[in-house]
Amino acid sequence: MFLRNESFDEYIRLYKVVTALIAINLFFYLWTDIFTFLGGREIQLLGVGNNLAIAAGDWWRLITPIFLHGGLAHVAFNSFALFLFGPALEKMLGKGKFLMIYLGTGVLANIVFYVLGDPRVIHLGASGAVFGLFGVYVYMVLVRKDLISNMNSQLIMVIVIIGVVMTFINPGVNIIAHIFGLAAGAVLAPLFLAKVRYEDQFQSRRVHDPDEIGFDPDRWRKKENRKKKIWFYLACGLLAMVTFFFLVDFFLLP
């Protein structure tokens, strides 16, 4: 469930949403932390979570912090967690529902921090959304045991416990976002998993006729076309987010 044995191309083809989210995380990390001379610092200031700015009308700050990170270790941890634990849920839920629960738990975590958090604190990162995915797995472990094996249940619970403990130990961690992201995932999980069955995880595997000829003379052309489409969609997504930031900066900020 969590062990990845796909090739790079297979991973991108099978888990398009996870791949796109990781690409966006890395893109904005490079822009805001490395290529700051291209306006990266301004973009980060425009997108970070800021309760005072949200109260003044910067509503987008409930969403944009999910895609911004404060350093290499921060983006590496969240992206690696998404890389490992996102694919199983994307396959189980489908692309649309997976994206909804990822962004939904991240936004809910930011809303709770807006209500309960220190208004002077600036926050950023995908941790609330990542913990939201952990919350879905916790629900599966406790309630939908038919969707997860005992071995994977033990693994995910150990990771969640370590993550929660480290949340309270490490300085500078948004405790509210982590805990309420986890809770949001567990609360929303019944809605998203209601119609999911164990067999759904394997629907994408094609059953071959034993008499069928497996050779496809156009396989390399099809593979190349898939690559082009994937990179096209990733580029469009990144362009849309960059455009969003600049439109907000131009039209909504004084």
Protein backbone atom coordinates (compact mmCIF):
# COMPACT_ATOMS: atom_id res chain seq x y z
CA MET A 1 0.00 0.00 0.00
CA PHE A 2 2.80 2.39 0.92
CA LEU A 3 5.79 0.73 -0.76
CA ARG A 4 6.46 2.36 -4.12
CA ASN A 5 7.82 0.06 -6.82
CA GLU A 6 6.64 1.97 -9.89
CA SER A 7 9.05 3.54 -12.32
CA PHE A 8 9.17 7.33 -12.48
CA ASP A 9 7.00 7.40 -15.61
CA GLU A 10 4.50 4.94 -14.15
CA TYR A 11 4.23 6.94 -10.93
CA ILE A 12 3.46 10.15 -12.83
CA ARG A 13 0.92 8.38 -15.03
CA LEU A 14 -0.89 6.60 -12.19
CA TYR A 15 -0.89 9.38 -9.58
CA LYS A 16 -1.36 12.61 -11.48
CA VAL A 17 -2.79 14.63 -8.58
CA VAL A 18 -0.05 13.63 -6.13
CA THR A 19 2.57 14.38 -8.78
CA ALA A 20 1.06 17.79 -9.52
CA LEU A 21 0.89 18.72 -5.82
CA ILE A 22 4.52 17.75 -5.25
CA ALA A 23 5.57 19.68 -8.37
CA ILE A 24 3.71 22.78 -7.15
CA ASN A 25 5.34 22.50 -3.71
CA LEU A 26 8.81 22.28 -5.24
CA PHE A 27 8.12 25.02 -7.77
CA PHE A 28 7.10 27.54 -5.12
CA TYR A 29 9.92 26.48 -2.81
CA LEU A 30 12.45 27.17 -5.56
CA TRP A 31 10.77 30.47 -6.42
CA THR A 32 10.38 31.79 -2.88
CA ASP A 33 13.57 30.40 -1.29
CA ILE A 34 16.12 30.13 -4.10
CA PHE A 35 15.12 32.47 -6.91
CA THR A 36 14.04 35.30 -4.66
CA PHE A 37 15.38 37.84 -7.16
CA LEU A 38 12.47 36.88 -9.44
CA GLY A 39 9.94 38.21 -6.97
CA GLY A 40 9.86 35.09 -4.83
CA ARG A 41 9.99 36.95 -1.54
CA GLU A 42 7.04 39.12 -2.52
CA ILE A 43 5.05 36.05 -3.56
CA GLN A 44 5.75 34.40 -0.21
CA LEU A 45 4.66 37.48 1.73
CA LEU A 46 1.53 37.64 -0.38
CA GLY A 47 0.61 34.00 0.19
CA VAL A 48 1.59 33.10 3.76
CA GLY A 49 -1.05 32.62 6.44
CA ASN A 50 -1.58 35.89 8.29
CA ASN A 51 -4.63 36.15 10.54
CA LEU A 52 -4.60 39.93 10.61
CA ALA A 53 -4.48 40.06 6.82
CA ILE A 54 -7.27 37.47 6.57
CA ALA A 55 -9.42 39.56 8.90
CA ALA A 56 -8.75 42.52 6.61
CA GLY A 57 -10.08 40.59 3.61
CA ASP A 58 -7.16 38.51 2.31
CA TRP A 59 -9.31 35.35 2.17
CA TRP A 60 -6.93 33.56 -0.22
CA ARG A 61 -4.49 33.18 2.66
CA LEU A 62 -6.63 30.29 3.90
CA ILE A 63 -5.58 28.36 0.76
CA THR A 64 -2.21 29.60 -0.46
CA PRO A 65 -0.14 28.65 2.63
CA ILE A 66 -0.73 24.99 1.69
CA PHE A 67 1.64 25.43 -1.27
CA LEU A 68 4.36 27.48 0.46
CA HIS A 69 7.14 26.20 2.71
CA GLY A 70 9.78 27.64 4.97
CA GLY A 71 12.96 25.89 3.92
CA LEU A 72 14.25 22.72 2.28
CA ALA A 73 13.56 20.40 5.23
CA HIS A 74 9.97 21.65 5.45
CA VAL A 75 9.12 21.11 1.78
CA ALA A 76 11.07 17.83 1.67
CA PHE A 77 9.16 16.33 4.61
CA ASN A 78 5.72 17.29 3.33
CA SER A 79 6.46 16.30 -0.27
CA PHE A 80 7.96 12.96 0.78
CA ALA A 81 4.95 12.23 3.01
CA LEU A 82 2.68 13.06 0.09
CA PHE A 83 4.80 10.88 -2.21
CA LEU A 84 4.45 7.87 0.11
CA PHE A 85 0.94 8.18 1.50
CA GLY A 86 -0.91 10.02 -1.25
CA PRO A 87 -0.98 7.36 -4.00
CA ALA A 88 -3.07 4.79 -2.11
CA LEU A 89 -5.75 7.38 -1.36
CA GLU A 90 -5.70 8.82 -4.88
CA LYS A 91 -6.26 5.32 -6.28
CA MET A 92 -8.92 4.53 -3.68
CA LEU A 93 -10.88 7.79 -3.86
CA GLY A 94 -10.22 8.92 -7.40
CA LYS A 95 -8.47 12.10 -8.46
CA GLY A 96 -11.29 14.55 -7.72
CA LYS A 97 -12.16 13.31 -4.24
CA PHE A 98 -8.51 12.97 -3.28
CA LEU A 99 -7.82 16.57 -4.26
CA MET A 100 -10.94 17.69 -2.39
CA ILE A 101 -9.97 16.01 0.86
CA TYR A 102 -6.33 17.16 0.60
CA LEU A 103 -7.22 20.81 0.03
CA GLY A 104 -10.30 20.63 2.26
CA THR A 105 -8.42 19.43 5.33
CA GLY A 106 -5.65 21.95 4.70
CA VAL A 107 -8.13 24.82 4.45
CA LEU A 108 -10.09 23.64 7.51
CA ALA A 109 -6.84 23.51 9.50
CA ASN A 110 -6.07 27.09 8.44
CA ILE A 111 -9.61 28.23 9.32
CA VAL A 112 -9.30 26.76 12.82
CA PHE A 113 -5.94 28.48 13.23
CA TYR A 114 -7.56 31.73 12.10
CA VAL A 115 -10.18 31.32 14.84
CA LEU A 116 -7.96 30.01 17.64
CA GLY A 117 -4.40 30.99 16.71
CA ASP A 118 -2.27 33.95 17.65
CA PRO A 119 -3.06 36.71 15.13
CA ARG A 120 0.57 37.82 15.20
CA VAL A 121 1.88 34.45 13.97
CA ILE A 122 2.74 33.92 10.31
CA HIS A 123 2.29 30.33 9.11
CA LEU A 124 2.81 28.32 5.94
CA GLY A 125 3.15 24.73 4.78
CA ALA A 126 1.17 21.70 3.63
CA SER A 127 1.37 19.96 7.01
CA GLY A 128 -2.31 20.53 7.79
CA ALA A 129 -3.27 18.82 4.51
CA VAL A 130 -0.75 16.01 5.00
CA PHE A 131 -2.06 15.39 8.51
CA GLY A 132 -5.52 15.41 6.94
CA LEU A 133 -4.47 12.40 4.86
CA PHE A 134 -3.17 10.77 8.03
CA GLY A 135 -6.59 11.40 9.58
CA VAL A 136 -8.25 9.46 6.75
CA TYR A 137 -5.92 6.54 7.42
CA VAL A 138 -6.64 6.70 11.16
CA TYR A 139 -10.36 6.41 10.38
CA MET A 140 -9.61 3.40 8.19
CA VAL A 141 -7.57 1.78 10.96
CA LEU A 142 -10.28 2.32 13.59
CA VAL A 143 -13.47 1.92 11.54
CA ARG A 144 -12.91 0.76 7.94
CA LYS A 145 -10.56 -2.09 8.72
CA ASP A 146 -11.58 -3.75 5.45
CA LEU A 147 -9.64 -1.11 3.51
CA ILE A 148 -6.24 -1.51 5.16
CA SER A 149 -4.12 -4.49 6.19
CA ASN A 150 -2.93 -5.10 9.75
CA MET A 151 0.67 -4.41 8.76
CA ASN A 152 -0.19 -1.10 7.13
CA SER A 153 -2.44 -0.22 10.08
CA GLN A 154 0.46 -0.65 12.48
CA LEU A 155 2.78 1.33 10.23
CA ILE A 156 0.44 4.29 9.81
CA MET A 157 -0.39 4.46 13.53
CA VAL A 158 3.30 4.51 14.45
CA ILE A 159 3.89 7.32 11.95
CA VAL A 160 0.88 9.30 13.19
CA ILE A 161 1.92 8.94 16.84
CA ILE A 162 5.47 10.03 16.03
CA GLY A 163 4.12 12.95 13.99
CA VAL A 164 1.86 14.11 16.82
CA VAL A 165 4.64 13.81 19.41
CA MET A 166 7.07 15.72 17.19
CA THR A 167 4.40 18.38 16.66
CA PHE A 168 4.51 19.21 20.36
CA ILE A 169 8.29 18.82 20.73
CA ASN A 170 9.63 20.77 17.75
CA PRO A 171 9.67 24.55 18.10
CA GLY A 172 7.97 26.71 15.52
CA VAL A 173 5.40 24.06 14.53
CA ASN A 174 1.79 25.05 13.93
CA ILE A 175 0.27 22.71 16.51
CA ILE A 176 -3.29 23.81 15.81
CA ALA A 177 -3.00 23.15 12.05
CA HIS A 178 -1.45 19.72 12.58
CA ILE A 179 -3.96 18.49 15.15
CA PHE A 180 -7.05 19.92 13.48
CA GLY A 181 -5.85 18.79 10.05
CA LEU A 182 -5.64 15.27 11.49
CA ALA A 183 -9.09 15.63 13.06
CA ALA A 184 -10.58 17.06 9.85
CA GLY A 185 -9.32 14.08 7.86
CA ALA A 186 -10.86 11.62 10.32
CA VAL A 187 -14.17 13.52 10.37
CA LEU A 188 -14.43 13.84 6.58
CA ALA A 189 -13.27 10.29 5.88
CA PRO A 190 -16.71 8.64 6.34
CA LEU A 191 -18.15 10.90 3.63
CA PHE A 192 -15.40 10.11 1.13
CA LEU A 193 -15.02 6.42 1.96
CA ALA A 194 -18.72 5.54 2.23
CA LYS A 195 -18.87 3.78 -1.15
CA VAL A 196 -15.28 2.60 -1.33
CA ARG A 197 -14.64 -1.14 -1.24
CA TYR A 198 -11.37 -3.00 -0.99
CA GLU A 199 -11.71 -4.18 -4.59
CA ASP A 200 -11.81 -0.55 -5.80
CA GLN A 201 -8.06 -0.30 -5.22
CA PHE A 202 -7.46 -2.81 -8.00
CA GLN A 203 -9.96 -1.69 -10.63
CA SER A 204 -7.26 -0.05 -12.71
CA ARG A 205 -5.52 -3.37 -13.24
CA ARG A 206 -6.55 -4.78 -16.55
CA VAL A 207 -7.39 -8.48 -16.89
CA HIS A 208 -5.74 -9.83 -20.03
CA ASP A 209 -7.15 -12.50 -22.27
CA PRO A 210 -4.62 -15.39 -22.33
CA ASP A 211 -4.97 -15.52 -26.13
CA GLU A 212 -4.43 -11.79 -26.56
CA ILE A 213 -1.25 -10.56 -28.18
CA GLY A 214 0.41 -8.24 -25.70
CA PHE A 215 2.61 -6.35 -28.14
CA ASP A 216 1.46 -2.85 -29.03
CA PRO A 217 3.43 -1.39 -31.96
CA ASP A 218 2.37 2.13 -30.97
CA ARG A 219 3.33 1.81 -27.31
CA TRP A 220 6.32 4.20 -27.51
CA ARG A 221 4.34 6.87 -29.31
CA LYS A 222 1.51 6.57 -26.77
CA LYS A 223 3.98 6.75 -23.92
CA GLU A 224 5.56 9.89 -25.36
CA ASN A 225 2.14 11.49 -25.84
CA ARG A 226 1.25 10.73 -22.21
CA LYS A 227 4.45 12.42 -21.07
CA LYS A 228 3.67 15.52 -23.10
CA LYS A 229 0.13 15.70 -21.70
CA ILE A 230 1.35 15.33 -18.11
CA TRP A 231 3.93 18.09 -18.45
CA PHE A 232 1.38 20.27 -20.24
CA TYR A 233 -1.13 19.93 -17.39
CA LEU A 234 1.58 20.56 -14.78
CA ALA A 235 2.70 23.69 -16.63
CA CYS A 236 -0.91 24.91 -16.90
CA GLY A 237 -1.47 24.35 -13.19
CA LEU A 238 1.67 26.25 -12.22
CA LEU A 239 0.85 29.06 -14.64
CA ALA A 240 -2.66 29.31 -13.19
CA MET A 241 -1.30 29.63 -9.65
CA VAL A 242 1.28 32.23 -10.65
CA THR A 243 -1.42 34.18 -12.49
CA PHE A 244 -3.64 33.97 -9.42
CA PHE A 245 -0.94 35.51 -7.20
CA PHE A 246 -0.33 38.38 -9.59
CA LEU A 247 -4.05 39.09 -10.06
CA VAL A 248 -4.50 39.21 -6.31
CA ASP A 249 -1.51 41.51 -6.01
CA PHE A 250 -2.75 43.81 -8.77
CA PHE A 251 -6.50 44.00 -8.08
CA LEU A 252 -7.01 43.28 -4.38
CA LEU A 253 -4.02 44.68 -2.56
CA PRO A 254 -3.66 48.41 -1.94
